Each structure stands twice: as structure tokens, then as C-alpha cells.
PDB file of N, CA and C in Angstrom:
ATOM      1  N   UNK A   1       0.834  -1.191   0.000  1.00  0.00           N
ATOM      2  CA  UNK A   1       0.000   0.000   0.000  1.00  0.00           C
ATOM      3  C   UNK A   1       0.870   1.243   0.000  1.00  0.00           C
ATOM      4  N   UNK A   2       0.219   2.363  -0.051  1.00  0.00           N
ATOM      5  CA  UNK A   2       0.941   3.629  -0.130  1.00  0.00           C
ATOM      6  C   UNK A   2       1.018   4.340   1.217  1.00  0.00           C
ATOM      7  N   UNK A   3       1.361   3.618   2.277  1.00  0.00           N
ATOM      8  CA  UNK A   3       1.596   4.237   3.562  1.00  0.00           C
ATOM      9  C   UNK A   3       0.364   4.756   4.263  1.00  0.00           C
ATOM     10  N   UNK A   4      -0.690   3.980   4.319  1.00  0.00           N
ATOM     11  CA  UNK A   4      -1.873   4.397   5.053  1.00  0.00           C
ATOM     12  C   UNK A   4      -3.052   3.522   4.724  1.00  0.00           C
ATOM     13  N   UNK A   5      -3.934   3.428   5.693  1.00  0.00           N
ATOM     14  CA  UNK A   5      -5.107   2.608   5.448  1.00  0.00           C
ATOM     15  C   UNK A   5      -6.166   3.430   4.736  1.00  0.00           C
ATOM     16  N   UNK A   6      -7.004   2.754   4.030  1.00  0.00           N
ATOM     17  CA  UNK A   6      -8.075   3.397   3.283  1.00  0.00           C
ATOM     18  C   UNK A   6      -9.293   3.514   4.191  1.00  0.00           C
ATOM     19  N   UNK A   7      -9.773   4.723   4.371  1.00  0.00           N
ATOM     20  CA  UNK A   7     -10.958   4.954   5.189  1.00  0.00           C
ATOM     21  C   UNK A   7     -12.130   5.159   4.236  1.00  0.00           C
ATOM     22  N   UNK A   8     -13.104   4.272   4.325  1.00  0.00           N
ATOM     23  CA  UNK A   8     -14.285   4.353   3.469  1.00  0.00           C
ATOM     24  C   UNK A   8     -15.529   4.444   4.337  1.00  0.00           C
ATOM     25  N   UNK A   9     -16.444   5.298   3.929  1.00  0.00           N
ATOM     26  CA  UNK A   9     -17.732   5.405   4.620  1.00  0.00           C
ATOM     27  C   UNK A   9     -18.837   5.294   3.581  1.00  0.00           C
ATOM     28  N   UNK A  10     -19.917   4.637   3.983  1.00  0.00           N
ATOM     29  CA  UNK A  10     -21.117   4.533   3.161  1.00  0.00           C
ATOM     30  C   UNK A  10     -22.197   5.359   3.855  1.00  0.00           C
ATOM     31  N   UNK A  11     -22.745   6.318   3.124  1.00  0.00           N
ATOM     32  CA  UNK A  11     -23.784   7.181   3.671  1.00  0.00           C
ATOM     33  C   UNK A  11     -25.086   6.866   2.955  1.00  0.00           C
ATOM     34  N   UNK A  12     -26.078   6.391   3.713  1.00  0.00           N
ATOM     35  CA  UNK A  12     -27.399   6.123   3.136  1.00  0.00           C
ATOM     36  C   UNK A  12     -28.182   7.426   3.135  1.00  0.00           C
ATOM     37  N   UNK A  13     -28.672   7.813   1.947  1.00  0.00           N
ATOM     38  CA  UNK A  13     -29.314   9.116   1.767  1.00  0.00           C
ATOM     39  C   UNK A  13     -30.702   8.937   1.171  1.00  0.00           C
ATOM     40  N   UNK A  14     -31.666   9.615   1.774  1.00  0.00           N
ATOM     41  CA  UNK A  14     -33.034   9.582   1.268  1.00  0.00           C
ATOM     42  C   UNK A  14     -33.367  10.936   0.641  1.00  0.00           C
ATOM     43  N   UNK A  15     -34.072  10.907  -0.471  1.00  0.00           N
ATOM     44  CA  UNK A  15     -34.533  12.146  -1.084  1.00  0.00           C
ATOM     45  C   UNK A  15     -33.882  12.480  -2.408  1.00  0.00           C
ATOM     46  N   UNK A  16     -32.836  11.761  -2.787  1.00  0.00           N
ATOM     47  CA  UNK A  16     -32.224  11.990  -4.103  1.00  0.00           C
ATOM     48  C   UNK A  16     -33.090  11.290  -5.154  1.00  0.00           C
ATOM     49  N   UNK A  17     -33.474  12.035  -6.200  1.00  0.00           N
ATOM     50  CA  UNK A  17     -34.370  11.440  -7.185  1.00  0.00           C
ATOM     51  C   UNK A  17     -33.892  11.554  -8.628  1.00  0.00           C
ATOM     52  N   UNK A  18     -32.751  12.237  -8.835  1.00  0.00           N
ATOM     53  CA  UNK A  18     -32.292  12.424 -10.210  1.00  0.00           C
ATOM     54  C   UNK A  18     -30.779  12.660 -10.239  1.00  0.00           C
ATOM     55  N   UNK A  19     -30.252  12.749 -11.443  1.00  0.00           N
ATOM     56  CA  UNK A  19     -28.823  12.990 -11.600  1.00  0.00           C
ATOM     57  C   UNK A  19     -28.377  14.324 -11.027  1.00  0.00           C
ATOM     58  N   UNK A  20     -29.251  15.327 -11.099  1.00  0.00           N
ATOM     59  CA  UNK A  20     -28.923  16.629 -10.526  1.00  0.00           C
ATOM     60  C   UNK A  20     -28.720  16.515  -9.012  1.00  0.00           C
ATOM     61  N   UNK A  21     -29.594  15.733  -8.359  1.00  0.00           N
ATOM     62  CA  UNK A  21     -29.487  15.520  -6.913  1.00  0.00           C
ATOM     63  C   UNK A  21     -28.143  14.877  -6.551  1.00  0.00           C
ATOM     64  N   UNK A  22     -27.790  13.830  -7.284  1.00  0.00           N
ATOM     65  CA  UNK A  22     -26.547  13.127  -6.966  1.00  0.00           C
ATOM     66  C   UNK A  22     -25.339  14.016  -7.211  1.00  0.00           C
ATOM     67  N   UNK A  23     -25.377  14.821  -8.263  1.00  0.00           N
ATOM     68  CA  UNK A  23     -24.264  15.720  -8.577  1.00  0.00           C
ATOM     69  C   UNK A  23     -24.102  16.774  -7.483  1.00  0.00           C
ATOM     70  N   UNK A  24     -25.218  17.276  -6.988  1.00  0.00           N
ATOM     71  CA  UNK A  24     -25.197  18.281  -5.921  1.00  0.00           C
ATOM     72  C   UNK A  24     -24.520  17.723  -4.659  1.00  0.00           C
ATOM     73  N   UNK A  25     -24.899  16.500  -4.279  1.00  0.00           N
ATOM     74  CA  UNK A  25     -24.309  15.862  -3.097  1.00  0.00           C
ATOM     75  C   UNK A  25     -22.832  15.556  -3.361  1.00  0.00           C
ATOM     76  N   UNK A  26     -22.531  15.035  -4.538  1.00  0.00           N
ATOM     77  CA  UNK A  26     -21.152  14.691  -4.884  1.00  0.00           C
ATOM     78  C   UNK A  26     -20.234  15.914  -4.799  1.00  0.00           C
ATOM     79  N   UNK A  27     -20.648  17.016  -5.384  1.00  0.00           N
ATOM     80  CA  UNK A  27     -19.819  18.224  -5.396  1.00  0.00           C
ATOM     81  C   UNK A  27     -19.607  18.766  -3.984  1.00  0.00           C
ATOM     82  N   UNK A  28     -20.647  18.728  -3.167  1.00  0.00           N
ATOM     83  CA  UNK A  28     -20.534  19.222  -1.790  1.00  0.00           C
ATOM     84  C   UNK A  28     -19.553  18.371  -0.988  1.00  0.00           C
ATOM     85  N   UNK A  29     -19.628  17.050  -1.156  1.00  0.00           N
ATOM     86  CA  UNK A  29     -18.709  16.163  -0.434  1.00  0.00           C
ATOM     87  C   UNK A  29     -17.275  16.334  -0.924  1.00  0.00           C
ATOM     88  N   UNK A  30     -17.105  16.485  -2.227  1.00  0.00           N
ATOM     89  CA  UNK A  30     -15.754  16.653  -2.788  1.00  0.00           C
ATOM     90  C   UNK A  30     -15.090  17.956  -2.332  1.00  0.00           C
ATOM     91  N   UNK A  31     -15.889  18.924  -1.921  1.00  0.00           N
ATOM     92  CA  UNK A  31     -15.345  20.194  -1.432  1.00  0.00           C
ATOM     93  C   UNK A  31     -14.681  20.059  -0.058  1.00  0.00           C
ATOM     94  N   UNK A  32     -14.984  18.966   0.652  1.00  0.00           N
ATOM     95  CA  UNK A  32     -14.355  18.748   1.958  1.00  0.00           C
ATOM     96  C   UNK A  32     -12.916  18.296   1.745  1.00  0.00           C
ATOM     97  N   UNK A  33     -11.975  18.907   2.447  1.00  0.00           N
ATOM     98  CA  UNK A  33     -10.560  18.592   2.241  1.00  0.00           C
ATOM     99  C   UNK A  33     -10.211  17.161   2.652  1.00  0.00           C
ATOM    100  N   UNK A  34     -11.013  16.562   3.535  1.00  0.00           N
ATOM    101  CA  UNK A  34     -10.748  15.192   3.984  1.00  0.00           C
ATOM    102  C   UNK A  34     -11.161  14.136   2.968  1.00  0.00           C
ATOM    103  N   UNK A  35     -11.994  14.513   2.000  1.00  0.00           N
ATOM    104  CA  UNK A  35     -12.556  13.557   1.046  1.00  0.00           C
ATOM    105  C   UNK A  35     -11.633  13.387  -0.160  1.00  0.00           C
ATOM    106  N   UNK A  36     -11.292  12.120  -0.428  1.00  0.00           N
ATOM    107  CA  UNK A  36     -10.446  11.788  -1.574  1.00  0.00           C
ATOM    108  C   UNK A  36     -11.290  11.530  -2.816  1.00  0.00           C
ATOM    109  N   UNK A  37     -12.362  10.730  -2.660  1.00  0.00           N
ATOM    110  CA  UNK A  37     -13.233  10.443  -3.802  1.00  0.00           C
ATOM    111  C   UNK A  37     -14.651  10.156  -3.323  1.00  0.00           C
ATOM    112  N   UNK A  38     -15.593  10.316  -4.260  1.00  0.00           N
ATOM    113  CA  UNK A  38     -17.019  10.122  -3.968  1.00  0.00           C
ATOM    114  C   UNK A  38     -17.630   9.309  -5.094  1.00  0.00           C
ATOM    115  N   UNK A  39     -18.432   8.312  -4.731  1.00  0.00           N
ATOM    116  CA  UNK A  39     -19.196   7.543  -5.711  1.00  0.00           C
ATOM    117  C   UNK A  39     -20.633   7.469  -5.199  1.00  0.00           C
ATOM    118  N   UNK A  40     -21.553   8.074  -5.935  1.00  0.00           N
ATOM    119  CA  UNK A  40     -22.947   8.114  -5.500  1.00  0.00           C
ATOM    120  C   UNK A  40     -23.781   7.197  -6.368  1.00  0.00           C
ATOM    121  N   UNK A  41     -24.639   6.413  -5.715  1.00  0.00           N
ATOM    122  CA  UNK A  41     -25.540   5.512  -6.424  1.00  0.00           C
ATOM    123  C   UNK A  41     -26.975   5.958  -6.168  1.00  0.00           C
ATOM    124  N   UNK A  42     -27.633   6.440  -7.212  1.00  0.00           N
ATOM    125  CA  UNK A  42     -29.035   6.827  -7.101  1.00  0.00           C
ATOM    126  C   UNK A  42     -29.895   5.589  -6.850  1.00  0.00           C
ATOM    127  N   UNK A  43     -29.542   4.502  -7.509  1.00  0.00           N
ATOM    128  CA  UNK A  43     -30.281   3.245  -7.363  1.00  0.00           C
ATOM    129  C   UNK A  43     -30.225   2.717  -5.929  1.00  0.00           C
ATOM    130  N   UNK A  44     -29.030   2.740  -5.321  1.00  0.00           N
ATOM    131  CA  UNK A  44     -28.867   2.230  -3.952  1.00  0.00           C
ATOM    132  C   UNK A  44     -29.124   3.291  -2.890  1.00  0.00           C
ATOM    133  N   UNK A  45     -29.344   4.518  -3.319  1.00  0.00           N
ATOM    134  CA  UNK A  45     -29.599   5.647  -2.425  1.00  0.00           C
ATOM    135  C   UNK A  45     -28.471   5.825  -1.407  1.00  0.00           C
ATOM    136  N   UNK A  46     -27.228   5.814  -1.912  1.00  0.00           N
ATOM    137  CA  UNK A  46     -26.117   6.009  -0.992  1.00  0.00           C
ATOM    138  C   UNK A  46     -24.934   6.687  -1.672  1.00  0.00           C
ATOM    139  N   UNK A  47     -24.020   7.102  -0.824  1.00  0.00           N
ATOM    140  CA  UNK A  47     -22.763   7.679  -1.290  1.00  0.00           C
ATOM    141  C   UNK A  47     -21.637   6.910  -0.617  1.00  0.00           C
ATOM    142  N   UNK A  48     -20.681   6.467  -1.413  1.00  0.00           N
ATOM    143  CA  UNK A  48     -19.485   5.825  -0.875  1.00  0.00           C
ATOM    144  C   UNK A  48     -18.366   6.844  -0.996  1.00  0.00           C
ATOM    145  N   UNK A  49     -17.774   7.182   0.134  1.00  0.00           N
ATOM    146  CA  UNK A  49     -16.694   8.158   0.102  1.00  0.00           C
ATOM    147  C   UNK A  49     -15.414   7.526   0.638  1.00  0.00           C
ATOM    148  N   UNK A  50     -14.313   7.867  -0.003  1.00  0.00           N
ATOM    149  CA  UNK A  50     -12.986   7.452   0.446  1.00  0.00           C
ATOM    150  C   UNK A  50     -12.331   8.705   1.014  1.00  0.00           C
ATOM    151  N   UNK A  51     -11.824   8.574   2.231  1.00  0.00           N
ATOM    152  CA  UNK A  51     -11.267   9.717   2.943  1.00  0.00           C
ATOM    153  C   UNK A  51      -9.751   9.699   2.978  1.00  0.00           C
ATOM    154  N   UNK A  52      -9.156  10.880   2.958  1.00  0.00           N
ATOM    155  CA  UNK A  52      -7.717  11.032   3.159  1.00  0.00           C
ATOM    156  C   UNK A  52      -7.404  10.904   4.642  1.00  0.00           C
ATOM    157  N   UNK A  53      -8.333  11.394   5.466  1.00  0.00           N
ATOM    158  CA  UNK A  53      -8.217  11.251   6.915  1.00  0.00           C
ATOM    159  C   UNK A  53      -9.621  11.251   7.500  1.00  0.00           C
ATOM    160  N   UNK A  54      -9.733  10.787   8.725  1.00  0.00           N
ATOM    161  CA  UNK A  54     -11.028  10.630   9.389  1.00  0.00           C
ATOM    162  C   UNK A  54     -11.745  11.980   9.492  1.00  0.00           C
ATOM    163  N   UNK A  55     -13.070  11.919   9.381  1.00  0.00           N
ATOM    164  CA  UNK A  55     -13.932  13.086   9.560  1.00  0.00           C
ATOM    165  C   UNK A  55     -15.144  12.628  10.359  1.00  0.00           C
ATOM    166  N   UNK A  56     -15.649  13.496  11.210  1.00  0.00           N
ATOM    167  CA  UNK A  56     -16.792  13.123  12.048  1.00  0.00           C
ATOM    168  C   UNK A  56     -18.053  12.949  11.201  1.00  0.00           C
ATOM    169  N   UNK A  57     -18.831  11.940  11.558  1.00  0.00           N
ATOM    170  CA  UNK A  57     -20.062  11.648  10.827  1.00  0.00           C
ATOM    171  C   UNK A  57     -21.020  12.831  10.840  1.00  0.00           C
ATOM    172  N   UNK A  58     -21.067  13.578  11.949  1.00  0.00           N
ATOM    173  CA  UNK A  58     -21.983  14.716  12.049  1.00  0.00           C
ATOM    174  C   UNK A  58     -21.685  15.782  10.993  1.00  0.00           C
ATOM    175  N   UNK A  59     -20.424  15.962  10.639  1.00  0.00           N
ATOM    176  CA  UNK A  59     -20.061  16.937   9.611  1.00  0.00           C
ATOM    177  C   UNK A  59     -20.650  16.508   8.268  1.00  0.00           C
ATOM    178  N   UNK A  60     -20.508  15.225   7.952  1.00  0.00           N
ATOM    179  CA  UNK A  60     -21.062  14.686   6.711  1.00  0.00           C
ATOM    180  C   UNK A  60     -22.584  14.787   6.705  1.00  0.00           C
ATOM    181  N   UNK A  61     -23.189  14.381   7.811  1.00  0.00           N
ATOM    182  CA  UNK A  61     -24.652  14.401   7.938  1.00  0.00           C
ATOM    183  C   UNK A  61     -25.198  15.823   7.764  1.00  0.00           C
ATOM    184  N   UNK A  62     -24.615  16.776   8.478  1.00  0.00           N
ATOM    185  CA  UNK A  62     -25.097  18.157   8.403  1.00  0.00           C
ATOM    186  C   UNK A  62     -24.935  18.736   7.002  1.00  0.00           C
ATOM    187  N   UNK A  63     -23.818  18.430   6.346  1.00  0.00           N
ATOM    188  CA  UNK A  63     -23.575  18.927   4.993  1.00  0.00           C
ATOM    189  C   UNK A  63     -24.669  18.445   4.037  1.00  0.00           C
ATOM    190  N   UNK A  64     -24.964  17.158   4.085  1.00  0.00           N
ATOM    191  CA  UNK A  64     -25.966  16.576   3.181  1.00  0.00           C
ATOM    192  C   UNK A  64     -27.369  17.065   3.527  1.00  0.00           C
ATOM    193  N   UNK A  65     -27.677  17.137   4.811  1.00  0.00           N
ATOM    194  CA  UNK A  65     -29.014  17.573   5.213  1.00  0.00           C
ATOM    195  C   UNK A  65     -29.225  19.056   4.926  1.00  0.00           C
ATOM    196  N   UNK A  66     -28.166  19.853   4.940  1.00  0.00           N
ATOM    197  CA  UNK A  66     -28.269  21.266   4.563  1.00  0.00           C
ATOM    198  C   UNK A  66     -28.625  21.425   3.082  1.00  0.00           C
ATOM    199  N   UNK A  67     -28.341  20.386   2.286  1.00  0.00           N
ATOM    200  CA  UNK A  67     -28.699  20.398   0.857  1.00  0.00           C
ATOM    201  C   UNK A  67     -30.143  19.996   0.632  1.00  0.00           C
ATOM    202  N   UNK A  68     -30.809  19.517   1.691  1.00  0.00           N
ATOM    203  CA  UNK A  68     -32.225  19.146   1.584  1.00  0.00           C
ATOM    204  C   UNK A  68     -32.507  17.659   1.531  1.00  0.00           C
ATOM    205  N   UNK A  69     -31.498  16.840   1.821  1.00  0.00           N
ATOM    206  CA  UNK A  69     -31.677  15.385   1.803  1.00  0.00           C
ATOM    207  C   UNK A  69     -31.579  14.842   3.223  1.00  0.00           C
ATOM    208  N   UNK A  70     -32.047  13.623   3.423  1.00  0.00           N
ATOM    209  CA  UNK A  70     -32.048  13.015   4.759  1.00  0.00           C
ATOM    210  C   UNK A  70     -31.009  11.905   4.806  1.00  0.00           C
ATOM    211  N   UNK A  71     -30.122  11.976   5.803  1.00  0.00           N
ATOM    212  CA  UNK A  71     -29.142  10.925   6.021  1.00  0.00           C
ATOM    213  C   UNK A  71     -29.774   9.885   6.936  1.00  0.00           C
ATOM    214  N   UNK A  72     -29.854   8.654   6.455  1.00  0.00           N
ATOM    215  CA  UNK A  72     -30.453   7.556   7.209  1.00  0.00           C
ATOM    216  C   UNK A  72     -29.423   6.874   8.088  1.00  0.00           C
ATOM    217  N   UNK A  73     -28.221   6.681   7.541  1.00  0.00           N
ATOM    218  CA  UNK A  73     -27.187   5.938   8.262  1.00  0.00           C
ATOM    219  C   UNK A  73     -25.819   6.241   7.654  1.00  0.00           C
ATOM    220  N   UNK A  74     -24.797   6.175   8.500  1.00  0.00           N
ATOM    221  CA  UNK A  74     -23.420   6.285   8.031  1.00  0.00           C
ATOM    222  C   UNK A  74     -22.658   5.112   8.628  1.00  0.00           C
ATOM    223  N   UNK A  75     -22.030   4.318   7.755  1.00  0.00           N
ATOM    224  CA  UNK A  75     -21.261   3.175   8.267  1.00  0.00           C
ATOM    225  C   UNK A  75     -19.898   3.118   7.615  1.00  0.00           C
TER     226      UNK A  75
END
């Protein structure tokens, strides 16, 4: 590996209904300096994020909910 473990979180999101919704969430998450990459699935209603370093779940939850979506779970 490249000197560090991979931190991945899956965020279950309710309320995304189109490509515009997923793009909005993706761009907001990518703006966080801790986030390395984002993969959003409209079908599975979730976002998989790979982090450069740990970030508190509440920060992720508040960011997404401020966009108008509901976070069901973060694992």
C-alpha cells in the first residue's frame, strides 16, 4: 500500500431522485478537504466516500441535510 489505510464510509441518503441531486451531493462532499473520492448511487440511495483522513459523521450528515436530503445511516 501507499503508507496508510483506506478509510471508506457509506452514507445512506433519502430524497435523491435524479442525476442533478446526486451531482449536488457529490460536489458538496468533494469540497471537503478530507474527502479523496465520492461515488454516489441513485439506485442504492447512498454515497461511498474514500477519505484522506477521518472526519466526524456529524459533519457529513449536516452537509448533506443542509442540501435538503435526509441521512439515514453512516457506516
